[in-house]
Each structure stands twice: as C-alpha cells, then as structure tokens.
Amino acid sequence: MAKVNTELYIWVIDLLIKRPKTFAEIRKEYTKRSDYEIGRDLQEKTFYNWRNKISALFKVEIEYRNGKYCITNPEKVYSNKALQWLIQSMTVSDLVSKSKDLSNRILLEEVPSSRDYLQPLIEAMKDNRMVKMQYHRFGGTTYEFEAEPLCLKVNNRRWYVLCRLPQGKPNMLDYPEYAYIGNLRIYALDRIDSLEILDQHFEYPEDFDPEEFFKNHYGVCIAYNQPLQHVVLAVSKQQRDYIDSLPLHHSQKRIEDYEEYSIYELEIHPTIDFIRALMSFGADIQVLEPAYLRAILFNEACYLRDMYEEKQS
C-alpha cells in the first residue's frame, strides 16, 4: 500500500505542476487511472490527506485558490532532481502500460537492485528510522550492522544508499565499501542480504546536503582525501556532440574547437568511477591534464594491449 500511495503523490504533483485544476478535474483524471481504481470516486477528505503527505514527504505545498488546487512553491518540484526522476519514471511506466501492444518494441533498462530494498529504505528515510542490514561484499565477508540511511543514489543501473554509522562501534567501520571521512559509508543495494527497519529514530544532520556531498565526484566513489583536480580532455569530433548533450560532469566546459577534436575542462575528484568512464570512450577521449591521471590511462591502455597481444600469441 505504501508504494501505491507514494506513486499517487507523485502523480498528483505531476498533474498540478502542469496547471491548476478543480477538484472535479482531479477526480476525473483519477478515475482514468485503472491502477488506482478502488470502486469509488476520489473523496475530498482523501485528497486533503494526500496534500498533507505530499507536503511532509516532498515539501511541495498544494493550496486551494480561486476555485482550483495549485502548487504554490513549484521551485521545490523543479529543483528536486530525485522528484523529477520519479516523475519521469512514472510517466514512462504509464506510457508503456497504456501501449501494451507496443510493449515488445519499448525496451527499458532493468535496475535489479531496486526490487527488494529500495522501498523499505525510502520508508526508513521518511521517518528518520535506523535500519539493520546484513551485507556482503563481492568476494568478501558478510556482516550485519545498524545504520542511519541519509540518502539514495542510482548509478550505472545500481542503487546505493549513503549511511551514517553510529559512533563507538569500530567493528562496523572496518568494512567500508567506498570510504568517506568519519562514519559515512556507501552501500550497494544489490549486496544487501536482509534489511529491517528499526523502531529507533535518528536526527538527520541539518548541515548535510546530499547533492553537495556528491557534487565534485563522478558516480559513487568518494575521494575527499584527494584534492579537487583541474582535468583537461581532448575529445574527438565523433564524440564531442555526445558529451555536449550528456555531459560527463556538471563542471564540464568546452573551451576550444579544432577540426578533429575539441578541448574540455572539468573540476572533479578523479576516482575510479571517472577513470572507467573515460576508458569507455577508448581513443575518442585523451587526458591532457593532470599528468598523473594521464599516466593512469596510459598504463591501463598498455595493460590492455599486453593482455590482448598475449592471448593472440
């Protein structure tokens, strides 16, 4: 039921962000959605409860003005990337469900890690409740611990949760996945074996901003122990339009153009996630600066060359 309600709240936000609507219009749109048909019309009391839930969950305020319901702080919708992603995902899902005769012609990427533990973690985060996880590292140890889930992030078809581990329990800090400073850790949902929402609440840190936390990184690997780097790339003419339309990083700037390539600069912590992304472009992206990053890509290229030459001999 919680999952359905959450989808309903997102549906209401998407409906009203387009334009204000009377309650009769909202009820009419609701009855069109067979997924939510419960054998009776939408009641105003029910909608009133939805408005309160939407305010509590997403900080989006819905008020009744001039005979219509409207969102009075639309900037909360447009600035919330997670909410935008949820709206887009729901829109795609609705389009696919309404086009069942085209289902084999609409191909979507599966995100397996969202199946079992995404919803419980969202529920825990809503109430700032701790969770108990049993977690295994690929090729490593399985262990159990309690944690405070702070935020969720999807990257390369995997969901991750950033947790704060309670202080004074060093045994839990001995198993970092992608270590940050202090007691913050990132865990992949597809490596969780079991998860229980605990009755114990925690105080969400007021000075913590998830978007700011990941701002200068690519992906989920965190490296605040390394200085921010000025990275300069040469991108082939075949690929420059691709990374213009889907930038590698928000700091990306195209600064020079030549016939065969363009020069880009970024300000980023070049972690292994970023290095793998660069490698995926092959010879279409060349690192010019910094020298140590260029050396890493050079060594990786040499390793690949040697590996393939060895297999051919």
C-alpha atoms as a PDB file:
ATOM      1  CA  MET A   1       0.000   0.000   0.000  1.00  0.00           C
ATOM      2  CA  ALA A   2       2.849   2.414   0.838  1.00  0.00           C
ATOM      3  CA  LYS A   3       4.265   2.029  -2.628  1.00  0.00           C
ATOM      4  CA  VAL A   4       0.918   2.789  -4.276  1.00  0.00           C
ATOM      5  CA  ASN A   5       0.421   5.873  -2.098  1.00  0.00           C
ATOM      6  CA  THR A   6       3.845   7.194  -2.986  1.00  0.00           C
ATOM      7  CA  GLU A   7       3.070   6.772  -6.672  1.00  0.00           C
ATOM      8  CA  LEU A   8      -0.221   8.590  -6.146  1.00  0.00           C
ATOM      9  CA  TYR A   9       1.525  11.527  -4.505  1.00  0.00           C
ATOM     10  CA  ILE A  10       3.944  11.781  -7.421  1.00  0.00           C
ATOM     11  CA  TRP A  11       1.002  11.567  -9.833  1.00  0.00           C
ATOM     12  CA  VAL A  12      -0.748  14.459  -8.061  1.00  0.00           C
ATOM     13  CA  ILE A  13       2.404  16.606  -8.203  1.00  0.00           C
ATOM     14  CA  ASP A  14       2.852  15.872 -11.899  1.00  0.00           C
ATOM     15  CA  LEU A  15      -0.813  16.658 -12.560  1.00  0.00           C
ATOM     16  CA  LEU A  16      -0.819  20.014 -10.768  1.00  0.00           C
ATOM     17  CA  ILE A  17       2.620  21.239 -11.817  1.00  0.00           C
ATOM     18  CA  LYS A  18       1.270  21.457 -15.365  1.00  0.00           C
ATOM     19  CA  ARG A  19      -1.598  23.758 -14.395  1.00  0.00           C
ATOM     20  CA  PRO A  20      -4.072  24.323 -11.507  1.00  0.00           C
ATOM     21  CA  LYS A  21      -7.172  22.112 -11.552  1.00  0.00           C
ATOM     22  CA  THR A  22     -10.567  21.998  -9.912  1.00  0.00           C
ATOM     23  CA  PHE A  23     -11.347  19.060  -7.669  1.00  0.00           C
ATOM     24  CA  ALA A  24     -13.771  17.784 -10.323  1.00  0.00           C
ATOM     25  CA  GLU A  25     -10.931  17.782 -12.877  1.00  0.00           C
ATOM     26  CA  ILE A  26      -8.609  15.965 -10.472  1.00  0.00           C
ATOM     27  CA  ARG A  27     -11.278  13.357  -9.723  1.00  0.00           C
ATOM     28  CA  LYS A  28     -11.910  12.856 -13.442  1.00  0.00           C
ATOM     29  CA  GLU A  29      -8.200  12.281 -14.084  1.00  0.00           C
ATOM     30  CA  TYR A  30      -8.066   9.917 -11.117  1.00  0.00           C
ATOM     31  CA  THR A  31     -10.879   7.727 -12.460  1.00  0.00           C
ATOM     32  CA  LYS A  32      -8.966   7.344 -15.735  1.00  0.00           C
ATOM     33  CA  ARG A  33      -6.151   5.603 -13.860  1.00  0.00           C
ATOM     34  CA  SER A  34      -7.287   1.987 -13.622  1.00  0.00           C
ATOM     35  CA  ASP A  35      -4.270   1.186 -11.415  1.00  0.00           C
ATOM     36  CA  TYR A  36      -5.798   3.324  -8.676  1.00  0.00           C
ATOM     37  CA  GLU A  37      -9.461   2.459  -9.244  1.00  0.00           C
ATOM     38  CA  ILE A  38     -10.880   1.311  -5.916  1.00  0.00           C
ATOM     39  CA  GLY A  39     -14.553   1.129  -6.823  1.00  0.00           C
ATOM     40  CA  ARG A  40     -15.499   4.644  -5.735  1.00  0.00           C
ATOM     41  CA  ASP A  41     -14.804   8.228  -6.634  1.00  0.00           C
ATOM     42  CA  LEU A  42     -11.976  10.191  -5.083  1.00  0.00           C
ATOM     43  CA  GLN A  43     -13.233  11.992  -1.984  1.00  0.00           C
ATOM     44  CA  GLU A  44     -12.115  15.471  -0.904  1.00  0.00           C
ATOM     45  CA  LYS A  45     -11.119  14.183   2.524  1.00  0.00           C
ATOM     46  CA  THR A  46      -8.831  11.637   0.874  1.00  0.00           C
ATOM     47  CA  PHE A  47      -7.313  14.324  -1.310  1.00  0.00           C
ATOM     48  CA  TYR A  48      -6.803  16.517   1.765  1.00  0.00           C
ATOM     49  CA  ASN A  49      -4.782  13.700   3.361  1.00  0.00           C
ATOM     50  CA  TRP A  50      -2.743  13.314   0.188  1.00  0.00           C
ATOM     51  CA  ARG A  51      -1.886  17.020   0.275  1.00  0.00           C
ATOM     52  CA  ASN A  52      -0.561  16.682   3.821  1.00  0.00           C
ATOM     53  CA  LYS A  53       1.512  13.647   2.889  1.00  0.00           C
ATOM     54  CA  ILE A  54       2.927  15.413  -0.184  1.00  0.00           C
ATOM     55  CA  SER A  55       3.922  18.369   1.978  1.00  0.00           C
ATOM     56  CA  ALA A  56       5.619  16.122   4.540  1.00  0.00           C
ATOM     57  CA  LEU A  57       7.431  13.925   2.011  1.00  0.00           C
ATOM     58  CA  PHE A  58       8.424  16.365  -0.732  1.00  0.00           C
ATOM     59  CA  LYS A  59       7.935  19.835   0.841  1.00  0.00           C
ATOM     60  CA  VAL A  60       5.573  20.601  -2.046  1.00  0.00           C
ATOM     61  CA  GLU A  61       2.627  22.735  -0.917  1.00  0.00           C
ATOM     62  CA  ILE A  62      -0.803  22.384  -2.563  1.00  0.00           C
ATOM     63  CA  GLU A  63      -3.412  25.039  -1.791  1.00  0.00           C
ATOM     64  CA  TYR A  64      -6.956  25.848  -2.889  1.00  0.00           C
ATOM     65  CA  ARG A  65      -7.082  29.216  -4.671  1.00  0.00           C
ATOM     66  CA  ASN A  66      -9.756  30.762  -6.880  1.00  0.00           C
ATOM     67  CA  GLY A  67     -11.679  27.522  -7.131  1.00  0.00           C
ATOM     68  CA  LYS A  68      -8.680  25.396  -8.124  1.00  0.00           C
ATOM     69  CA  TYR A  69      -5.896  23.425  -6.481  1.00  0.00           C
ATOM     70  CA  CYS A  70      -2.384  24.606  -7.313  1.00  0.00           C
ATOM     71  CA  ILE A  71       1.214  24.085  -6.252  1.00  0.00           C
ATOM     72  CA  THR A  72       2.295  27.278  -4.515  1.00  0.00           C
ATOM     73  CA  ASN A  73       6.036  26.543  -4.463  1.00  0.00           C
ATOM     74  CA  PRO A  74       6.790  24.978  -7.894  1.00  0.00           C
ATOM     75  CA  GLU A  75      10.510  25.657  -7.411  1.00  0.00           C
ATOM     76  CA  LYS A  76      10.506  22.730  -4.963  1.00  0.00           C
ATOM     77  CA  VAL A  77       9.458  20.451  -7.807  1.00  0.00           C
ATOM     78  CA  TYR A  78      11.867  21.790 -10.423  1.00  0.00           C
ATOM     79  CA  SER A  79      14.881  21.891  -8.080  1.00  0.00           C
ATOM     80  CA  ASN A  80      14.360  18.391  -6.651  1.00  0.00           C
ATOM     81  CA  LYS A  81      16.248  16.102  -9.041  1.00  0.00           C
ATOM     82  CA  ALA A  82      15.058  12.954  -7.278  1.00  0.00           C
ATOM     83  CA  LEU A  83      11.438  14.046  -7.598  1.00  0.00           C
ATOM     84  CA  GLN A  84      11.960  14.920 -11.263  1.00  0.00           C
ATOM     85  CA  TRP A  85      13.439  11.463 -11.823  1.00  0.00           C
ATOM     86  CA  LEU A  86      10.459   9.822 -10.098  1.00  0.00           C
ATOM     87  CA  ILE A  87       8.002  11.822 -12.217  1.00  0.00           C
ATOM     88  CA  GLN A  88       9.828  10.884 -15.413  1.00  0.00           C
ATOM     89  CA  SER A  89       9.973   7.211 -14.398  1.00  0.00           C
ATOM     90  CA  MET A  90       6.262   7.149 -13.604  1.00  0.00           C
ATOM     91  CA  THR A  91       5.444   8.880 -16.901  1.00  0.00           C
ATOM     92  CA  VAL A  92       7.416   6.285 -18.855  1.00  0.00           C
ATOM     93  CA  SER A  93       5.758   3.472 -16.891  1.00  0.00           C
ATOM     94  CA  ASP A  94       2.317   4.911 -17.620  1.00  0.00           C
ATOM     95  CA  LEU A  95       3.071   5.267 -21.313  1.00  0.00           C
ATOM     96  CA  VAL A  96       4.273   1.668 -21.535  1.00  0.00           C
ATOM     97  CA  SER A  97       1.263   0.296 -19.615  1.00  0.00           C
ATOM     98  CA  LYS A  98      -1.107   2.203 -21.920  1.00  0.00           C
ATOM     99  CA  SER A  99       0.676   0.885 -25.008  1.00  0.00           C
ATOM    100  CA  LYS A 100       0.693  -2.830 -24.259  1.00  0.00           C
ATOM    101  CA  ASP A 101       0.506  -3.668 -27.944  1.00  0.00           C
ATOM    102  CA  LEU A 102       3.907  -1.940 -28.283  1.00  0.00           C
ATOM    103  CA  SER A 103       5.463  -3.459 -25.161  1.00  0.00           C
ATOM    104  CA  ASN A 104       7.900  -5.607 -27.134  1.00  0.00           C
ATOM    105  CA  ARG A 105       9.012  -2.506 -29.040  1.00  0.00           C
ATOM    106  CA  ILE A 106       9.754  -0.343 -25.992  1.00  0.00           C
ATOM    107  CA  LEU A 107      12.996  -1.561 -24.424  1.00  0.00           C
ATOM    108  CA  LEU A 108      13.923  -0.347 -20.948  1.00  0.00           C
ATOM    109  CA  GLU A 109      16.997  -0.978 -18.823  1.00  0.00           C
ATOM    110  CA  GLU A 110      16.369  -3.073 -15.756  1.00  0.00           C
ATOM    111  CA  VAL A 111      17.700  -1.897 -12.383  1.00  0.00           C
ATOM    112  CA  PRO A 112      17.650  -5.152 -10.373  1.00  0.00           C
ATOM    113  CA  SER A 113      18.814  -3.530  -7.117  1.00  0.00           C
ATOM    114  CA  SER A 114      15.516  -1.634  -6.813  1.00  0.00           C
ATOM    115  CA  ARG A 115      13.424  -4.782  -6.361  1.00  0.00           C
ATOM    116  CA  ASP A 116      13.704  -5.646  -2.691  1.00  0.00           C
ATOM    117  CA  TYR A 117      15.198  -2.888  -0.581  1.00  0.00           C
ATOM    118  CA  LEU A 118      14.569   0.458  -2.270  1.00  0.00           C
ATOM    119  CA  GLN A 119      11.059   0.879  -0.857  1.00  0.00           C
ATOM    120  CA  PRO A 120      11.977  -0.102   2.757  1.00  0.00           C
ATOM    121  CA  LEU A 121      14.900   2.326   2.707  1.00  0.00           C
ATOM    122  CA  ILE A 122      12.651   5.119   1.457  1.00  0.00           C
ATOM    123  CA  GLU A 123      10.197   4.298   4.250  1.00  0.00           C
ATOM    124  CA  ALA A 124      13.019   4.407   6.824  1.00  0.00           C
ATOM    125  CA  MET A 125      14.293   7.712   5.454  1.00  0.00           C
ATOM    126  CA  LYS A 126      10.807   9.276   5.607  1.00  0.00           C
ATOM    127  CA  ASP A 127      10.658   8.735   9.390  1.00  0.00           C
ATOM    128  CA  ASN A 128      14.425   9.017  10.065  1.00  0.00           C
ATOM    129  CA  ARG A 129      14.495   5.489  11.441  1.00  0.00           C
ATOM    130  CA  MET A 130      17.574   3.334  11.703  1.00  0.00           C
ATOM    131  CA  VAL A 131      17.919   0.089   9.780  1.00  0.00           C
ATOM    132  CA  LYS A 132      19.667  -3.191  10.430  1.00  0.00           C
ATOM    133  CA  MET A 133      21.364  -4.612   7.356  1.00  0.00           C
ATOM    134  CA  GLN A 134      23.035  -7.873   6.541  1.00  0.00           C
ATOM    135  CA  TYR A 135      25.501  -7.035   3.806  1.00  0.00           C
ATOM    136  CA  HIS A 136      28.078  -8.881   1.761  1.00  0.00           C
ATOM    137  CA  ARG A 137      30.993  -7.625  -0.245  1.00  0.00           C
ATOM    138  CA  PHE A 138      31.561  -9.251  -3.606  1.00  0.00           C
ATOM    139  CA  GLY A 139      34.218 -11.877  -2.990  1.00  0.00           C
ATOM    140  CA  GLY A 140      34.407 -10.866   0.662  1.00  0.00           C
ATOM    141  CA  THR A 141      32.837 -11.018   4.089  1.00  0.00           C
ATOM    142  CA  THR A 142      29.170 -10.974   5.072  1.00  0.00           C
ATOM    143  CA  TYR A 143      28.406  -8.859   8.120  1.00  0.00           C
ATOM    144  CA  GLU A 144      25.493  -7.275   9.967  1.00  0.00           C
ATOM    145  CA  PHE A 145      25.244  -3.750  11.330  1.00  0.00           C
ATOM    146  CA  GLU A 146      22.906  -0.899  12.185  1.00  0.00           C
ATOM    147  CA  ALA A 147      22.968   2.339  10.210  1.00  0.00           C
ATOM    148  CA  GLU A 148      21.220   5.647   9.619  1.00  0.00           C
ATOM    149  CA  PRO A 149      20.161   5.938   5.935  1.00  0.00           C
ATOM    150  CA  LEU A 150      20.793   9.516   4.754  1.00  0.00           C
ATOM    151  CA  CYS A 151      20.200   9.419   1.000  1.00  0.00           C
ATOM    152  CA  LEU A 152      19.849   7.182  -2.049  1.00  0.00           C
ATOM    153  CA  LYS A 153      21.651   7.449  -5.371  1.00  0.00           C
ATOM    154  CA  VAL A 154      21.385   5.484  -8.607  1.00  0.00           C
ATOM    155  CA  ASN A 155      24.497   4.989 -10.712  1.00  0.00           C
ATOM    156  CA  ASN A 156      25.144   2.669 -13.662  1.00  0.00           C
ATOM    157  CA  ARG A 157      21.934   0.676 -13.115  1.00  0.00           C
ATOM    158  CA  ARG A 158      22.656   0.133  -9.415  1.00  0.00           C
ATOM    159  CA  TRP A 159      21.096   1.805  -6.377  1.00  0.00           C
ATOM    160  CA  TYR A 160      23.310   2.892  -3.487  1.00  0.00           C
ATOM    161  CA  VAL A 161      22.498   4.133  -0.003  1.00  0.00           C
ATOM    162  CA  LEU A 162      24.719   6.547   1.897  1.00  0.00           C
ATOM    163  CA  CYS A 163      24.607   5.710   5.598  1.00  0.00           C
ATOM    164  CA  ARG A 164      25.914   7.212   8.781  1.00  0.00           C
ATOM    165  CA  LEU A 165      27.174   4.546  11.144  1.00  0.00           C
ATOM    166  CA  PRO A 166      26.760   5.081  14.890  1.00  0.00           C
ATOM    167  CA  GLN A 167      29.922   6.190  16.631  1.00  0.00           C
ATOM    168  CA  GLY A 168      31.646   3.940  19.113  1.00  0.00           C
ATOM    169  CA  LYS A 169      31.232   0.732  17.086  1.00  0.00           C
ATOM    170  CA  PRO A 170      34.544   0.352  15.233  1.00  0.00           C
ATOM    171  CA  ASN A 171      33.745  -3.191  14.122  1.00  0.00           C
ATOM    172  CA  MET A 172      31.233  -1.754  11.670  1.00  0.00           C
ATOM    173  CA  LEU A 173      33.703   0.807  10.372  1.00  0.00           C
ATOM    174  CA  ASP A 174      36.129  -1.940   9.393  1.00  0.00           C
ATOM    175  CA  TYR A 175      34.045  -2.798   6.337  1.00  0.00           C
ATOM    176  CA  PRO A 176      33.936   0.293   4.107  1.00  0.00           C
ATOM    177  CA  GLU A 177      32.583  -0.107   0.611  1.00  0.00           C
ATOM    178  CA  TYR A 178      33.504   3.332  -0.659  1.00  0.00           C
ATOM    179  CA  ALA A 179      35.014   5.035   2.354  1.00  0.00           C
ATOM    180  CA  TYR A 180      34.455   8.670   3.177  1.00  0.00           C
ATOM    181  CA  ILE A 181      35.779  10.516   6.188  1.00  0.00           C
ATOM    182  CA  GLY A 182      34.376   9.783   9.610  1.00  0.00           C
ATOM    183  CA  ASN A 183      31.472   7.371   9.828  1.00  0.00           C
ATOM    184  CA  LEU A 184      29.775   7.804   6.439  1.00  0.00           C
ATOM    185  CA  ARG A 185      29.697   4.827   4.107  1.00  0.00           C
ATOM    186  CA  ILE A 186      28.074   3.956   0.778  1.00  0.00           C
ATOM    187  CA  TYR A 187      26.475   0.534   0.259  1.00  0.00           C
ATOM    188  CA  ALA A 188      25.091  -1.064  -2.892  1.00  0.00           C
ATOM    189  CA  LEU A 189      21.521  -2.318  -2.573  1.00  0.00           C
ATOM    190  CA  ASP A 190      22.257  -5.428  -4.640  1.00  0.00           C
ATOM    191  CA  ARG A 191      24.687  -6.555  -1.928  1.00  0.00           C
ATOM    192  CA  ILE A 192      22.134  -6.338   0.881  1.00  0.00           C
ATOM    193  CA  ASP A 193      21.010  -9.802   2.032  1.00  0.00           C
ATOM    194  CA  SER A 194      18.379  -8.605   4.517  1.00  0.00           C
ATOM    195  CA  LEU A 195      17.083  -5.302   5.850  1.00  0.00           C
ATOM    196  CA  GLU A 196      14.956  -4.466   8.885  1.00  0.00           C
ATOM    197  CA  ILE A 197      13.528  -1.059   9.774  1.00  0.00           C
ATOM    198  CA  LEU A 198      14.149  -0.439  13.473  1.00  0.00           C
ATOM    199  CA  ASP A 199      11.993   1.495  15.941  1.00  0.00           C
ATOM    200  CA  GLN A 200      14.964   3.680  16.859  1.00  0.00           C
ATOM    201  CA  HIS A 201      14.960   7.170  15.310  1.00  0.00           C
ATOM    202  CA  PHE A 202      17.957   9.337  14.448  1.00  0.00           C
ATOM    203  CA  GLU A 203      18.435  13.041  13.868  1.00  0.00           C
ATOM    204  CA  TYR A 204      19.117  13.894  10.254  1.00  0.00           C
ATOM    205  CA  PRO A 205      22.132  16.254  10.160  1.00  0.00           C
ATOM    206  CA  GLU A 206      20.822  19.721   9.307  1.00  0.00           C
ATOM    207  CA  ASP A 207      24.108  20.739   7.669  1.00  0.00           C
ATOM    208  CA  PHE A 208      24.223  17.713   5.358  1.00  0.00           C
ATOM    209  CA  ASP A 209      23.363  18.292   1.683  1.00  0.00           C
ATOM    210  CA  PRO A 210      23.371  15.062  -0.406  1.00  0.00           C
ATOM    211  CA  GLU A 211      23.741  16.915  -3.697  1.00  0.00           C
ATOM    212  CA  GLU A 212      26.682  18.899  -2.330  1.00  0.00           C
ATOM    213  CA  PHE A 213      28.216  15.686  -0.974  1.00  0.00           C
ATOM    214  CA  PHE A 214      28.457  14.129  -4.449  1.00  0.00           C
ATOM    215  CA  LYS A 215      28.845  17.400  -6.355  1.00  0.00           C
ATOM    216  CA  ASN A 216      32.537  17.146  -7.249  1.00  0.00           C
ATOM    217  CA  HIS A 217      32.556  13.422  -7.943  1.00  0.00           C
ATOM    218  CA  TYR A 218      31.554  11.095 -10.750  1.00  0.00           C
ATOM    219  CA  GLY A 219      29.395   8.175  -9.678  1.00  0.00           C
ATOM    220  CA  VAL A 220      29.500   6.894  -6.110  1.00  0.00           C
ATOM    221  CA  CYS A 221      33.198   6.559  -5.306  1.00  0.00           C
ATOM    222  CA  ILE A 222      34.152   9.306  -2.871  1.00  0.00           C
ATOM    223  CA  ALA A 223      37.677  10.737  -2.512  1.00  0.00           C
ATOM    224  CA  TYR A 224      37.632  13.814  -0.311  1.00  0.00           C
ATOM    225  CA  ASN A 225      41.102  12.826   0.881  1.00  0.00           C
ATOM    226  CA  GLN A 226      42.337  13.773  -2.602  1.00  0.00           C
ATOM    227  CA  PRO A 227      42.410  17.390  -3.829  1.00  0.00           C
ATOM    228  CA  LEU A 228      39.981  18.624  -6.445  1.00  0.00           C
ATOM    229  CA  GLN A 229      41.636  18.364  -9.853  1.00  0.00           C
ATOM    230  CA  HIS A 230      41.538  20.541 -12.958  1.00  0.00           C
ATOM    231  CA  VAL A 231      41.091  17.953 -15.715  1.00  0.00           C
ATOM    232  CA  VAL A 232      41.641  18.779 -19.385  1.00  0.00           C
ATOM    233  CA  LEU A 233      40.405  16.412 -22.097  1.00  0.00           C
ATOM    234  CA  ALA A 234      40.753  16.238 -25.864  1.00  0.00           C
ATOM    235  CA  VAL A 235      37.551  14.786 -27.337  1.00  0.00           C
ATOM    236  CA  SER A 236      37.294  13.590 -30.923  1.00  0.00           C
ATOM    237  CA  LYS A 237      34.848  15.244 -33.305  1.00  0.00           C
ATOM    238  CA  GLN A 238      32.903  11.954 -33.379  1.00  0.00           C
ATOM    239  CA  GLN A 239      32.170  12.171 -29.643  1.00  0.00           C
ATOM    240  CA  ARG A 240      32.048  15.865 -28.756  1.00  0.00           C
ATOM    241  CA  ASP A 241      28.367  16.238 -29.615  1.00  0.00           C
ATOM    242  CA  TYR A 242      27.587  13.218 -27.434  1.00  0.00           C
ATOM    243  CA  ILE A 243      29.244  14.607 -24.318  1.00  0.00           C
ATOM    244  CA  ASP A 244      27.777  18.035 -25.033  1.00  0.00           C
ATOM    245  CA  SER A 245      24.281  16.550 -24.933  1.00  0.00           C
ATOM    246  CA  LEU A 246      25.070  14.320 -21.925  1.00  0.00           C
ATOM    247  CA  PRO A 247      27.990  15.904 -20.002  1.00  0.00           C
ATOM    248  CA  LEU A 248      30.407  13.783 -18.028  1.00  0.00           C
ATOM    249  CA  HIS A 249      30.090  16.225 -15.111  1.00  0.00           C
ATOM    250  CA  HIS A 250      28.237  19.431 -14.281  1.00  0.00           C
ATOM    251  CA  SER A 251      31.549  21.371 -14.300  1.00  0.00           C
ATOM    252  CA  GLN A 252      32.312  20.349 -17.901  1.00  0.00           C
ATOM    253  CA  LYS A 253      33.140  23.236 -20.263  1.00  0.00           C
ATOM    254  CA  ARG A 254      34.032  23.148 -23.938  1.00  0.00           C
ATOM    255  CA  ILE A 255      36.786  25.742 -24.292  1.00  0.00           C
ATOM    256  CA  GLU A 256      38.445  25.197 -27.706  1.00  0.00           C
ATOM    257  CA  ASP A 257      37.439  23.695 -31.033  1.00  0.00           C
ATOM    258  CA  TYR A 258      39.647  22.248 -33.758  1.00  0.00           C
ATOM    259  CA  GLU A 259      38.788  20.367 -36.910  1.00  0.00           C
ATOM    260  CA  GLU A 260      39.429  16.900 -35.499  1.00  0.00           C
ATOM    261  CA  TYR A 261      38.782  17.425 -31.774  1.00  0.00           C
ATOM    262  CA  SER A 262      37.662  19.804 -29.031  1.00  0.00           C
ATOM    263  CA  ILE A 263      39.184  20.678 -25.662  1.00  0.00           C
ATOM    264  CA  TYR A 264      37.139  20.346 -22.473  1.00  0.00           C
ATOM    265  CA  GLU A 265      37.930  21.160 -18.862  1.00  0.00           C
ATOM    266  CA  LEU A 266      36.373  19.871 -15.643  1.00  0.00           C
ATOM    267  CA  GLU A 267      36.820  20.364 -11.905  1.00  0.00           C
ATOM    268  CA  ILE A 268      36.433  16.945 -10.302  1.00  0.00           C
ATOM    269  CA  HIS A 269      37.828  14.331  -7.929  1.00  0.00           C
ATOM    270  CA  PRO A 270      39.015  11.729 -10.494  1.00  0.00           C
ATOM    271  CA  THR A 271      38.033   8.492  -8.745  1.00  0.00           C
ATOM    272  CA  ILE A 272      37.959   5.021 -10.275  1.00  0.00           C
ATOM    273  CA  ASP A 273      34.368   5.653 -11.459  1.00  0.00           C
ATOM    274  CA  PHE A 274      35.538   8.625 -13.507  1.00  0.00           C
ATOM    275  CA  ILE A 275      38.570   6.746 -14.849  1.00  0.00           C
ATOM    276  CA  ARG A 276      36.352   3.877 -16.017  1.00  0.00           C
ATOM    277  CA  ALA A 277      34.026   6.347 -17.708  1.00  0.00           C
ATOM    278  CA  LEU A 278      36.940   7.880 -19.612  1.00  0.00           C
ATOM    279  CA  MET A 279      38.196   4.440 -20.621  1.00  0.00           C
ATOM    280  CA  SER A 280      34.779   3.558 -22.025  1.00  0.00           C
ATOM    281  CA  PHE A 281      35.354   6.145 -24.777  1.00  0.00           C
ATOM    282  CA  GLY A 282      38.529   4.411 -25.936  1.00  0.00           C
ATOM    283  CA  ALA A 283      40.663   6.538 -28.264  1.00  0.00           C
ATOM    284  CA  ASP A 284      37.938   9.194 -28.587  1.00  0.00           C
ATOM    285  CA  ILE A 285      38.961  10.878 -25.305  1.00  0.00           C
ATOM    286  CA  GLN A 286      42.530  11.724 -24.351  1.00  0.00           C
ATOM    287  CA  VAL A 287      43.542  13.097 -20.946  1.00  0.00           C
ATOM    288  CA  LEU A 288      45.852  16.103 -21.311  1.00  0.00           C
ATOM    289  CA  GLU A 289      45.963  17.178 -17.653  1.00  0.00           C
ATOM    290  CA  PRO A 290      46.779  16.357 -14.900  1.00  0.00           C
ATOM    291  CA  ALA A 291      49.879  14.328 -15.676  1.00  0.00           C
ATOM    292  CA  TYR A 292      49.207  11.630 -13.074  1.00  0.00           C
ATOM    293  CA  LEU A 293      45.728  10.949 -14.487  1.00  0.00           C
ATOM    294  CA  ARG A 294      47.150  10.793 -17.987  1.00  0.00           C
ATOM    295  CA  ALA A 295      49.695   8.255 -16.702  1.00  0.00           C
ATOM    296  CA  ILE A 296      46.933   6.112 -15.190  1.00  0.00           C
ATOM    297  CA  LEU A 297      45.066   5.967 -18.510  1.00  0.00           C
ATOM    298  CA  PHE A 298      48.344   5.267 -20.341  1.00  0.00           C
ATOM    299  CA  ASN A 299      49.168   2.360 -18.011  1.00  0.00           C
ATOM    300  CA  GLU A 300      45.664   0.928 -18.378  1.00  0.00           C
ATOM    301  CA  ALA A 301      45.948   1.145 -22.172  1.00  0.00           C
ATOM    302  CA  CYS A 302      49.322  -0.623 -22.064  1.00  0.00           C
ATOM    303  CA  TYR A 303      47.903  -3.328 -19.830  1.00  0.00           C
ATOM    304  CA  LEU A 304      45.037  -3.940 -22.260  1.00  0.00           C
ATOM    305  CA  ARG A 305      47.425  -4.025 -25.212  1.00  0.00           C
ATOM    306  CA  ASP A 306      49.683  -6.544 -23.482  1.00  0.00           C
ATOM    307  CA  MET A 307      46.729  -8.675 -22.439  1.00  0.00           C
ATOM    308  CA  TYR A 308      45.346  -8.931 -25.961  1.00  0.00           C
ATOM    309  CA  GLU A 309      48.785  -9.482 -27.504  1.00  0.00           C
ATOM    310  CA  GLU A 310      49.417 -12.311 -25.054  1.00  0.00           C
ATOM    311  CA  LYS A 311      46.120 -14.013 -25.951  1.00  0.00           C
ATOM    312  CA  GLN A 312      46.943 -13.777 -29.680  1.00  0.00           C
ATOM    313  CA  SER A 313      50.404 -15.279 -29.363  1.00  0.00           C
END
